[in-house]
PDB file of N, CA and C in Angstrom:
ATOM      1  N   UNK A   1      89.148 162.068   1.113  1.00  0.00           N
ATOM      2  CA  UNK A   1      88.683 161.356   2.299  1.00  0.00           C
ATOM      3  C   UNK A   1      89.267 161.376   3.451  1.00  0.00           C
ATOM      4  N   UNK A   2      88.930 161.791   4.840  1.00  0.00           N
ATOM      5  CA  UNK A   2      90.134 162.013   5.794  1.00  0.00           C
ATOM      6  C   UNK A   2      90.139 160.487   6.646  1.00  0.00           C
ATOM      7  N   UNK A   3      91.330 160.667   7.477  1.00  0.00           N
ATOM      8  CA  UNK A   3      91.897 159.283   7.801  1.00  0.00           C
ATOM      9  C   UNK A   3      90.740 158.576   8.854  1.00  0.00           C
ATOM     10  N   UNK A   4      89.936 159.886   9.610  1.00  0.00           N
ATOM     11  CA  UNK A   4      89.170 159.160  10.493  1.00  0.00           C
ATOM     12  C   UNK A   4      88.176 158.693   9.692  1.00  0.00           C
ATOM     13  N   UNK A   5      87.591 159.018   8.387  1.00  0.00           N
ATOM     14  CA  UNK A   5      86.602 158.706   8.011  1.00  0.00           C
ATOM     15  C   UNK A   5      87.017 157.064   7.322  1.00  0.00           C
ATOM     16  N   UNK A   6      88.092 157.060   6.588  1.00  0.00           N
ATOM     17  CA  UNK A   6      88.417 155.694   6.296  1.00  0.00           C
ATOM     18  C   UNK A   6      88.743 154.944   7.501  1.00  0.00           C
ATOM     19  N   UNK A   7      88.978 155.314   8.418  1.00  0.00           N
ATOM     20  CA  UNK A   7      89.439 154.061   9.655  1.00  0.00           C
ATOM     21  C   UNK A   7      87.842 153.715   9.945  1.00  0.00           C
ATOM     22  N   UNK A   8      86.385 154.638   9.960  1.00  0.00           N
ATOM     23  CA  UNK A   8      85.379 154.186  10.262  1.00  0.00           C
ATOM     24  C   UNK A   8      85.437 153.284   9.340  1.00  0.00           C
ATOM     25  N   UNK A   9      85.149 153.783   8.153  1.00  0.00           N
ATOM     26  CA  UNK A   9      84.505 152.795   7.024  1.00  0.00           C
ATOM     27  C   UNK A   9      85.174 151.018   7.058  1.00  0.00           C
ATOM     28  N   UNK A  10      86.703 151.266   7.149  1.00  0.00           N
ATOM     29  CA  UNK A  10      86.989 149.819   7.622  1.00  0.00           C
ATOM     30  C   UNK A  10      86.556 149.160   8.802  1.00  0.00           C
ATOM     31  N   UNK A  11      86.344 150.062   9.653  1.00  0.00           N
ATOM     32  CA  UNK A  11      85.759 148.909  10.830  1.00  0.00           C
ATOM     33  C   UNK A  11      84.005 148.827  10.477  1.00  0.00           C
ATOM     34  N   UNK A  12      83.787 149.408   9.848  1.00  0.00           N
ATOM     35  CA  UNK A  12      82.307 148.946   9.429  1.00  0.00           C
ATOM     36  C   UNK A  12      81.921 147.609   8.570  1.00  0.00           C
ATOM     37  N   UNK A  13      83.403 147.462   7.730  1.00  0.00           N
ATOM     38  CA  UNK A  13      83.689 146.287   6.645  1.00  0.00           C
ATOM     39  C   UNK A  13      84.097 145.284   7.603  1.00  0.00           C
ATOM     40  N   UNK A  14      84.986 145.386   8.734  1.00  0.00           N
ATOM     41  CA  UNK A  14      85.337 144.648   9.559  1.00  0.00           C
ATOM     42  C   UNK A  14      84.292 144.012  10.477  1.00  0.00           C
ATOM     43  N   UNK A  15      83.063 144.928  10.940  1.00  0.00           N
ATOM     44  CA  UNK A  15      82.287 143.969  11.636  1.00  0.00           C
ATOM     45  C   UNK A  15      81.375 143.120  10.624  1.00  0.00           C
ATOM     46  N   UNK A  16      81.238 143.454   9.322  1.00  0.00           N
ATOM     47  CA  UNK A  16      80.470 142.808   8.424  1.00  0.00           C
ATOM     48  C   UNK A  16      80.961 141.683   7.854  1.00  0.00           C
ATOM     49  N   UNK A  17      82.489 141.420   8.430  1.00  0.00           N
ATOM     50  CA  UNK A  17      83.009 140.011   7.837  1.00  0.00           C
ATOM     51  C   UNK A  17      83.937 140.187   6.431  1.00  0.00           C
ATOM     52  N   UNK A  18      83.720 141.413   6.224  1.00  0.00           N
ATOM     53  CA  UNK A  18      84.187 141.636   4.476  1.00  0.00           C
ATOM     54  C   UNK A  18      85.624 142.148   4.212  1.00  0.00           C
ATOM     55  N   UNK A  19      86.460 142.349   5.349  1.00  0.00           N
ATOM     56  CA  UNK A  19      87.950 142.149   5.476  1.00  0.00           C
ATOM     57  C   UNK A  19      88.329 142.084   6.982  1.00  0.00           C
ATOM     58  N   UNK A  20      89.127 141.812   6.982  1.00  0.00           N
ATOM     59  CA  UNK A  20      90.310 141.074   8.262  1.00  0.00           C
ATOM     60  C   UNK A  20      91.091 142.108   8.467  1.00  0.00           C
ATOM     61  N   UNK A  21      91.679 142.168   9.882  1.00  0.00           N
ATOM     62  CA  UNK A  21      92.836 143.296  10.268  1.00  0.00           C
ATOM     63  C   UNK A  21      93.907 141.991  10.733  1.00  0.00           C
ATOM     64  N   UNK A  22      95.289 142.549  10.300  1.00  0.00           N
ATOM     65  CA  UNK A  22      96.310 141.589  10.637  1.00  0.00           C
ATOM     66  C   UNK A  22      97.082 142.587  11.358  1.00  0.00           C
ATOM     67  N   UNK A  23      98.370 141.939  11.860  1.00  0.00           N
ATOM     68  CA  UNK A  23      99.038 143.102  12.398  1.00  0.00           C
ATOM     69  C   UNK A  23     100.475 142.998  11.931  1.00  0.00           C
ATOM     70  N   UNK A  24     101.249 143.917  11.994  1.00  0.00           N
ATOM     71  CA  UNK A  24     102.771 143.632  11.548  1.00  0.00           C
ATOM     72  C   UNK A  24     103.382 144.998  12.258  1.00  0.00           C
ATOM     73  N   UNK A  25     103.515 144.672  13.638  1.00  0.00           N
ATOM     74  CA  UNK A  25     104.536 145.755  14.142  1.00  0.00           C
ATOM     75  C   UNK A  25     103.750 147.107  14.312  1.00  0.00           C
ATOM     76  N   UNK A  26     103.963 148.100  13.657  1.00  0.00           N
ATOM     77  CA  UNK A  26     103.403 149.101  13.698  1.00  0.00           C
ATOM     78  C   UNK A  26     101.835 149.141  12.709  1.00  0.00           C
ATOM     79  N   UNK A  27     101.853 148.347  11.730  1.00  0.00           N
ATOM     80  CA  UNK A  27     101.295 148.307  10.696  1.00  0.00           C
ATOM     81  C   UNK A  27      99.881 147.579  11.197  1.00  0.00           C
ATOM     82  N   UNK A  28      98.932 147.569  10.352  1.00  0.00           N
ATOM     83  CA  UNK A  28      97.834 147.117  10.334  1.00  0.00           C
ATOM     84  C   UNK A  28      96.749 146.119   9.142  1.00  0.00           C
ATOM     85  N   UNK A  29      97.398 145.926   8.373  1.00  0.00           N
ATOM     86  CA  UNK A  29      97.105 145.595   7.097  1.00  0.00           C
ATOM     87  C   UNK A  29      95.761 144.797   7.242  1.00  0.00           C
ATOM     88  N   UNK A  30      94.991 145.172   5.978  1.00  0.00           N
ATOM     89  CA  UNK A  30      93.971 144.700   5.932  1.00  0.00           C
ATOM     90  C   UNK A  30      93.575 143.587   4.519  1.00  0.00           C
ATOM     91  N   UNK A  31      92.680 143.010   5.057  1.00  0.00           N
ATOM     92  CA  UNK A  31      92.541 141.428   3.914  1.00  0.00           C
ATOM     93  C   UNK A  31      91.298 141.694   3.452  1.00  0.00           C
ATOM     94  N   UNK A  32      90.749 141.535   2.169  1.00  0.00           N
ATOM     95  CA  UNK A  32      89.488 141.233   1.725  1.00  0.00           C
ATOM     96  C   UNK A  32      89.081 139.646   2.095  1.00  0.00           C
ATOM     97  N   UNK A  33      87.769 139.503   2.355  1.00  0.00           N
ATOM     98  CA  UNK A  33      87.658 138.300   2.898  1.00  0.00           C
ATOM     99  C   UNK A  33      86.955 137.570   1.562  1.00  0.00           C
ATOM    100  N   UNK A  34      87.174 136.846   0.747  1.00  0.00           N
ATOM    101  CA  UNK A  34      86.524 136.383  -0.385  1.00  0.00           C
ATOM    102  C   UNK A  34      84.941 135.582  -0.026  1.00  0.00           C
ATOM    103  N   UNK A  35      85.229 135.153   1.085  1.00  0.00           N
ATOM    104  CA  UNK A  35      83.772 133.985   1.090  1.00  0.00           C
ATOM    105  C   UNK A  35      82.792 134.885   1.406  1.00  0.00           C
ATOM    106  N   UNK A  36      82.697 135.583   2.013  1.00  0.00           N
ATOM    107  CA  UNK A  36      81.424 136.787   2.364  1.00  0.00           C
ATOM    108  C   UNK A  36      81.016 137.755   1.121  1.00  0.00           C
ATOM    109  N   UNK A  37      82.234 137.913   0.711  1.00  0.00           N
ATOM    110  CA  UNK A  37      81.846 138.702  -0.764  1.00  0.00           C
ATOM    111  C   UNK A  37      81.207 137.802  -1.805  1.00  0.00           C
ATOM    112  N   UNK A  38      81.706 136.622  -1.510  1.00  0.00           N
ATOM    113  CA  UNK A  38      81.132 135.621  -2.930  1.00  0.00           C
ATOM    114  C   UNK A  38      79.776 135.469  -2.412  1.00  0.00           C
ATOM    115  N   UNK A  39      79.236 135.120  -1.089  1.00  0.00           N
ATOM    116  CA  UNK A  39      78.102 134.841  -0.568  1.00  0.00           C
ATOM    117  C   UNK A  39      76.741 136.120  -1.113  1.00  0.00           C
ATOM    118  N   UNK A  40      77.492 137.427  -0.912  1.00  0.00           N
ATOM    119  CA  UNK A  40      76.910 138.940  -1.343  1.00  0.00           C
ATOM    120  C   UNK A  40      76.529 138.867  -2.777  1.00  0.00           C
ATOM    121  N   UNK A  41      77.512 138.581  -3.172  1.00  0.00           N
ATOM    122  CA  UNK A  41      77.199 138.550  -4.894  1.00  0.00           C
ATOM    123  C   UNK A  41      76.202 137.441  -5.307  1.00  0.00           C
ATOM    124  N   UNK A  42      76.598 136.357  -4.860  1.00  0.00           N
ATOM    125  CA  UNK A  42      75.417 135.654  -5.101  1.00  0.00           C
ATOM    126  C   UNK A  42      73.853 136.043  -4.804  1.00  0.00           C
ATOM    127  N   UNK A  43      73.695 136.528  -3.360  1.00  0.00           N
ATOM    128  CA  UNK A  43      72.305 137.036  -3.098  1.00  0.00           C
ATOM    129  C   UNK A  43      72.084 138.298  -4.002  1.00  0.00           C
ATOM    130  N   UNK A  44      73.017 139.218  -4.176  1.00  0.00           N
ATOM    131  CA  UNK A  44      72.854 140.023  -5.074  1.00  0.00           C
ATOM    132  C   UNK A  44      72.354 139.631  -6.521  1.00  0.00           C
ATOM    133  N   UNK A  45      72.895 138.673  -7.158  1.00  0.00           N
ATOM    134  CA  UNK A  45      72.663 138.291  -8.137  1.00  0.00           C
ATOM    135  C   UNK A  45      71.044 137.736  -8.636  1.00  0.00           C
ATOM    136  N   UNK A  46      70.974 136.994  -7.421  1.00  0.00           N
ATOM    137  CA  UNK A  46      69.245 136.541  -7.456  1.00  0.00           C
ATOM    138  C   UNK A  46      68.409 137.661  -7.636  1.00  0.00           C
ATOM    139  N   UNK A  47      68.541 138.823  -6.914  1.00  0.00           N
ATOM    140  CA  UNK A  47      67.693 139.982  -7.227  1.00  0.00           C
ATOM    141  C   UNK A  47      67.765 140.677  -8.730  1.00  0.00           C
ATOM    142  N   UNK A  48      69.245 140.615  -8.883  1.00  0.00           N
ATOM    143  CA  UNK A  48      69.398 141.109 -10.190  1.00  0.00           C
ATOM    144  C   UNK A  48      68.726 140.658 -11.288  1.00  0.00           C
ATOM    145  N   UNK A  49      68.373 139.177 -11.299  1.00  0.00           N
ATOM    146  CA  UNK A  49      67.696 138.226 -12.326  1.00  0.00           C
ATOM    147  C   UNK A  49      66.204 138.729 -12.046  1.00  0.00           C
ATOM    148  N   UNK A  50      65.997 138.495 -10.874  1.00  0.00           N
ATOM    149  CA  UNK A  50      64.220 139.294 -10.538  1.00  0.00           C
ATOM    150  C   UNK A  50      64.031 140.358 -11.164  1.00  0.00           C
ATOM    151  N   UNK A  51      64.770 141.392 -10.689  1.00  0.00           N
ATOM    152  CA  UNK A  51      64.559 142.803 -11.692  1.00  0.00           C
ATOM    153  C   UNK A  51      64.559 142.869 -12.591  1.00  0.00           C
ATOM    154  N   UNK A  52      65.460 142.251 -13.381  1.00  0.00           N
ATOM    155  CA  UNK A  52      66.002 142.445 -14.664  1.00  0.00           C
ATOM    156  C   UNK A  52      64.540 141.413 -15.596  1.00  0.00           C
ATOM    157  N   UNK A  53      63.984 140.296 -15.514  1.00  0.00           N
ATOM    158  CA  UNK A  53      62.967 139.893 -15.654  1.00  0.00           C
ATOM    159  C   UNK A  53      61.879 141.067 -15.709  1.00  0.00           C
ATOM    160  N   UNK A  54      61.588 141.311 -14.486  1.00  0.00           N
ATOM    161  CA  UNK A  54      60.367 142.437 -14.290  1.00  0.00           C
ATOM    162  C   UNK A  54      60.536 143.464 -15.262  1.00  0.00           C
ATOM    163  N   UNK A  55      61.694 144.108 -15.563  1.00  0.00           N
ATOM    164  CA  UNK A  55      62.003 145.212 -16.159  1.00  0.00           C
ATOM    165  C   UNK A  55      61.665 144.720 -17.885  1.00  0.00           C
ATOM    166  N   UNK A  56      62.318 143.534 -18.027  1.00  0.00           N
ATOM    167  CA  UNK A  56      61.709 143.296 -19.344  1.00  0.00           C
ATOM    168  C   UNK A  56      60.311 143.054 -20.134  1.00  0.00           C
ATOM    169  N   UNK A  57      59.655 142.323 -18.911  1.00  0.00           N
ATOM    170  CA  UNK A  57      58.248 142.481 -18.880  1.00  0.00           C
ATOM    171  C   UNK A  57      57.508 143.754 -18.862  1.00  0.00           C
ATOM    172  N   UNK A  58      58.057 144.537 -18.446  1.00  0.00           N
ATOM    173  CA  UNK A  58      57.489 145.841 -18.400  1.00  0.00           C
ATOM    174  C   UNK A  58      57.679 146.893 -19.814  1.00  0.00           C
ATOM    175  N   UNK A  59      58.955 146.347 -20.070  1.00  0.00           N
ATOM    176  CA  UNK A  59      59.196 146.947 -21.784  1.00  0.00           C
ATOM    177  C   UNK A  59      58.249 146.603 -22.694  1.00  0.00           C
ATOM    178  N   UNK A  60      57.867 145.019 -22.654  1.00  0.00           N
ATOM    179  CA  UNK A  60      57.381 144.566 -23.510  1.00  0.00           C
ATOM    180  C   UNK A  60      55.827 145.277 -23.473  1.00  0.00           C
ATOM    181  N   UNK A  61      55.444 145.183 -22.141  1.00  0.00           N
ATOM    182  CA  UNK A  61      54.272 145.696 -21.902  1.00  0.00           C
ATOM    183  C   UNK A  61      54.081 146.892 -22.595  1.00  0.00           C
ATOM    184  N   UNK A  62      54.960 148.028 -22.022  1.00  0.00           N
ATOM    185  CA  UNK A  62      54.992 149.654 -22.703  1.00  0.00           C
ATOM    186  C   UNK A  62      55.192 149.438 -24.497  1.00  0.00           C
ATOM    187  N   UNK A  63      55.795 148.269 -24.793  1.00  0.00           N
ATOM    188  CA  UNK A  63      55.994 148.300 -26.578  1.00  0.00           C
ATOM    189  C   UNK A  63      54.272 147.934 -26.663  1.00  0.00           C
ATOM    190  N   UNK A  64      53.758 146.934 -26.279  1.00  0.00           N
ATOM    191  CA  UNK A  64      52.473 146.572 -26.813  1.00  0.00           C
ATOM    192  C   UNK A  64      51.417 147.998 -26.827  1.00  0.00           C
ATOM    193  N   UNK A  65      51.516 148.937 -25.499  1.00  0.00           N
ATOM    194  CA  UNK A  65      50.575 149.732 -25.549  1.00  0.00           C
ATOM    195  C   UNK A  65      50.882 150.538 -26.417  1.00  0.00           C
ATOM    196  N   UNK A  66      52.363 151.151 -26.635  1.00  0.00           N
ATOM    197  CA  UNK A  66      52.476 151.858 -27.763  1.00  0.00           C
ATOM    198  C   UNK A  66      51.959 151.475 -29.089  1.00  0.00           C
ATOM    199  N   UNK A  67      52.345 149.953 -29.334  1.00  0.00           N
ATOM    200  CA  UNK A  67      51.533 149.718 -30.675  1.00  0.00           C
ATOM    201  C   UNK A  67      49.975 149.978 -30.715  1.00  0.00           C
ATOM    202  N   UNK A  68      49.108 149.734 -29.755  1.00  0.00           N
ATOM    203  CA  UNK A  68      47.982 150.058 -29.596  1.00  0.00           C
ATOM    204  C   UNK A  68      47.264 151.214 -30.118  1.00  0.00           C
ATOM    205  N   UNK A  69      48.500 152.322 -28.915  1.00  0.00           N
ATOM    206  CA  UNK A  69      47.672 153.693 -29.193  1.00  0.00           C
ATOM    207  C   UNK A  69      48.357 153.988 -30.784  1.00  0.00           C
ATOM    208  N   UNK A  70      49.268 153.629 -30.979  1.00  0.00           N
ATOM    209  CA  UNK A  70      49.671 153.932 -32.601  1.00  0.00           C
ATOM    210  C   UNK A  70      48.403 153.745 -33.586  1.00  0.00           C
ATOM    211  N   UNK A  71      48.000 152.329 -33.157  1.00  0.00           N
ATOM    212  CA  UNK A  71      46.525 151.750 -34.082  1.00  0.00           C
ATOM    213  C   UNK A  71      45.656 152.718 -33.861  1.00  0.00           C
ATOM    214  N   UNK A  72      45.073 152.792 -32.405  1.00  0.00           N
ATOM    215  CA  UNK A  72      44.062 153.897 -32.687  1.00  0.00           C
ATOM    216  C   UNK A  72      44.374 155.306 -33.024  1.00  0.00           C
ATOM    217  N   UNK A  73      45.338 155.580 -32.784  1.00  0.00           N
ATOM    218  CA  UNK A  73      45.408 157.218 -33.530  1.00  0.00           C
ATOM    219  C   UNK A  73      45.404 157.213 -34.777  1.00  0.00           C
ATOM    220  N   UNK A  74      45.949 156.229 -35.724  1.00  0.00           N
ATOM    221  CA  UNK A  74      45.863 156.095 -37.403  1.00  0.00           C
ATOM    222  C   UNK A  74      44.418 155.967 -37.351  1.00  0.00           C
ATOM    223  N   UNK A  75      43.982 155.506 -36.847  1.00  0.00           N
ATOM    224  CA  UNK A  75      42.393 154.973 -37.117  1.00  0.00           C
ATOM    225  C   UNK A  75      41.691 156.213 -36.869  1.00  0.00           C
ATOM    226  N   UNK A  76      41.712 156.736 -35.967  1.00  0.00           N
ATOM    227  CA  UNK A  76      40.935 158.243 -35.421  1.00  0.00           C
ATOM    228  C   UNK A  76      41.634 159.137 -36.486  1.00  0.00           C
ATOM    229  N   UNK A  77      42.597 159.401 -37.182  1.00  0.00           N
ATOM    230  CA  UNK A  77      43.149 160.113 -37.892  1.00  0.00           C
ATOM    231  C   UNK A  77      42.510 159.831 -39.885  1.00  0.00           C
ATOM    232  N   UNK A  78      42.331 158.615 -39.660  1.00  0.00           N
ATOM    233  CA  UNK A  78      41.462 158.162 -41.012  1.00  0.00           C
ATOM    234  C   UNK A  78      40.258 158.300 -40.954  1.00  0.00           C
ATOM    235  N   UNK A  79      39.373 158.066 -39.636  1.00  0.00           N
ATOM    236  CA  UNK A  79      38.274 158.556 -39.430  1.00  0.00           C
ATOM    237  C   UNK A  79      37.720 160.061 -40.051  1.00  0.00           C
ATOM    238  N   UNK A  80      38.927 160.674 -39.282  1.00  0.00           N
ATOM    239  CA  UNK A  80      38.579 162.371 -39.070  1.00  0.00           C
ATOM    240  C   UNK A  80      38.551 162.910 -40.806  1.00  0.00           C
ATOM    241  N   UNK A  81      39.609 162.309 -41.517  1.00  0.00           N
ATOM    242  CA  UNK A  81      40.161 162.539 -43.304  1.00  0.00           C
ATOM    243  C   UNK A  81      38.504 162.363 -43.661  1.00  0.00           C
ATOM    244  N   UNK A  82      38.175 160.982 -43.229  1.00  0.00           N
ATOM    245  CA  UNK A  82      36.929 160.528 -44.029  1.00  0.00           C
ATOM    246  C   UNK A  82      35.831 161.442 -43.991  1.00  0.00           C
ATOM    247  N   UNK A  83      35.710 161.828 -42.684  1.00  0.00           N
ATOM    248  CA  UNK A  83      34.407 162.836 -42.416  1.00  0.00           C
ATOM    249  C   UNK A  83      34.363 163.995 -43.068  1.00  0.00           C
ATOM    250  N   UNK A  84      35.790 164.554 -43.126  1.00  0.00           N
ATOM    251  CA  UNK A  84      35.969 165.898 -43.804  1.00  0.00           C
ATOM    252  C   UNK A  84      35.874 165.843 -45.551  1.00  0.00           C
ATOM    253  N   UNK A  85      35.942 164.691 -45.783  1.00  0.00           N
ATOM    254  CA  UNK A  85      35.664 164.432 -47.472  1.00  0.00           C
ATOM    255  C   UNK A  85      34.093 164.756 -47.780  1.00  0.00           C
ATOM    256  N   UNK A  86      33.460 163.849 -46.576  1.00  0.00           N
ATOM    257  CA  UNK A  86      31.943 163.723 -46.632  1.00  0.00           C
ATOM    258  C   UNK A  86      31.465 164.968 -46.239  1.00  0.00           C
TER     259      UNK A  86
END
């Protein structure tokens, strides 16, 4: 990654309040700001739980549909075999 790209990324993080910049002679040390990161984590956690619940319900529905499809296929196969015998 180029130095200008890193600088640009750090400026974006600073504007978002996720990092702060200090001053030490010629150096400009950056520091992670924990409070905004914790707030973002909490916000993301709510969405993670929401989507995880939706995906679990979708998995259950798909399992139910697969079971129904297997039962219909098995019933159809039995009827086909029965018709061939008669």
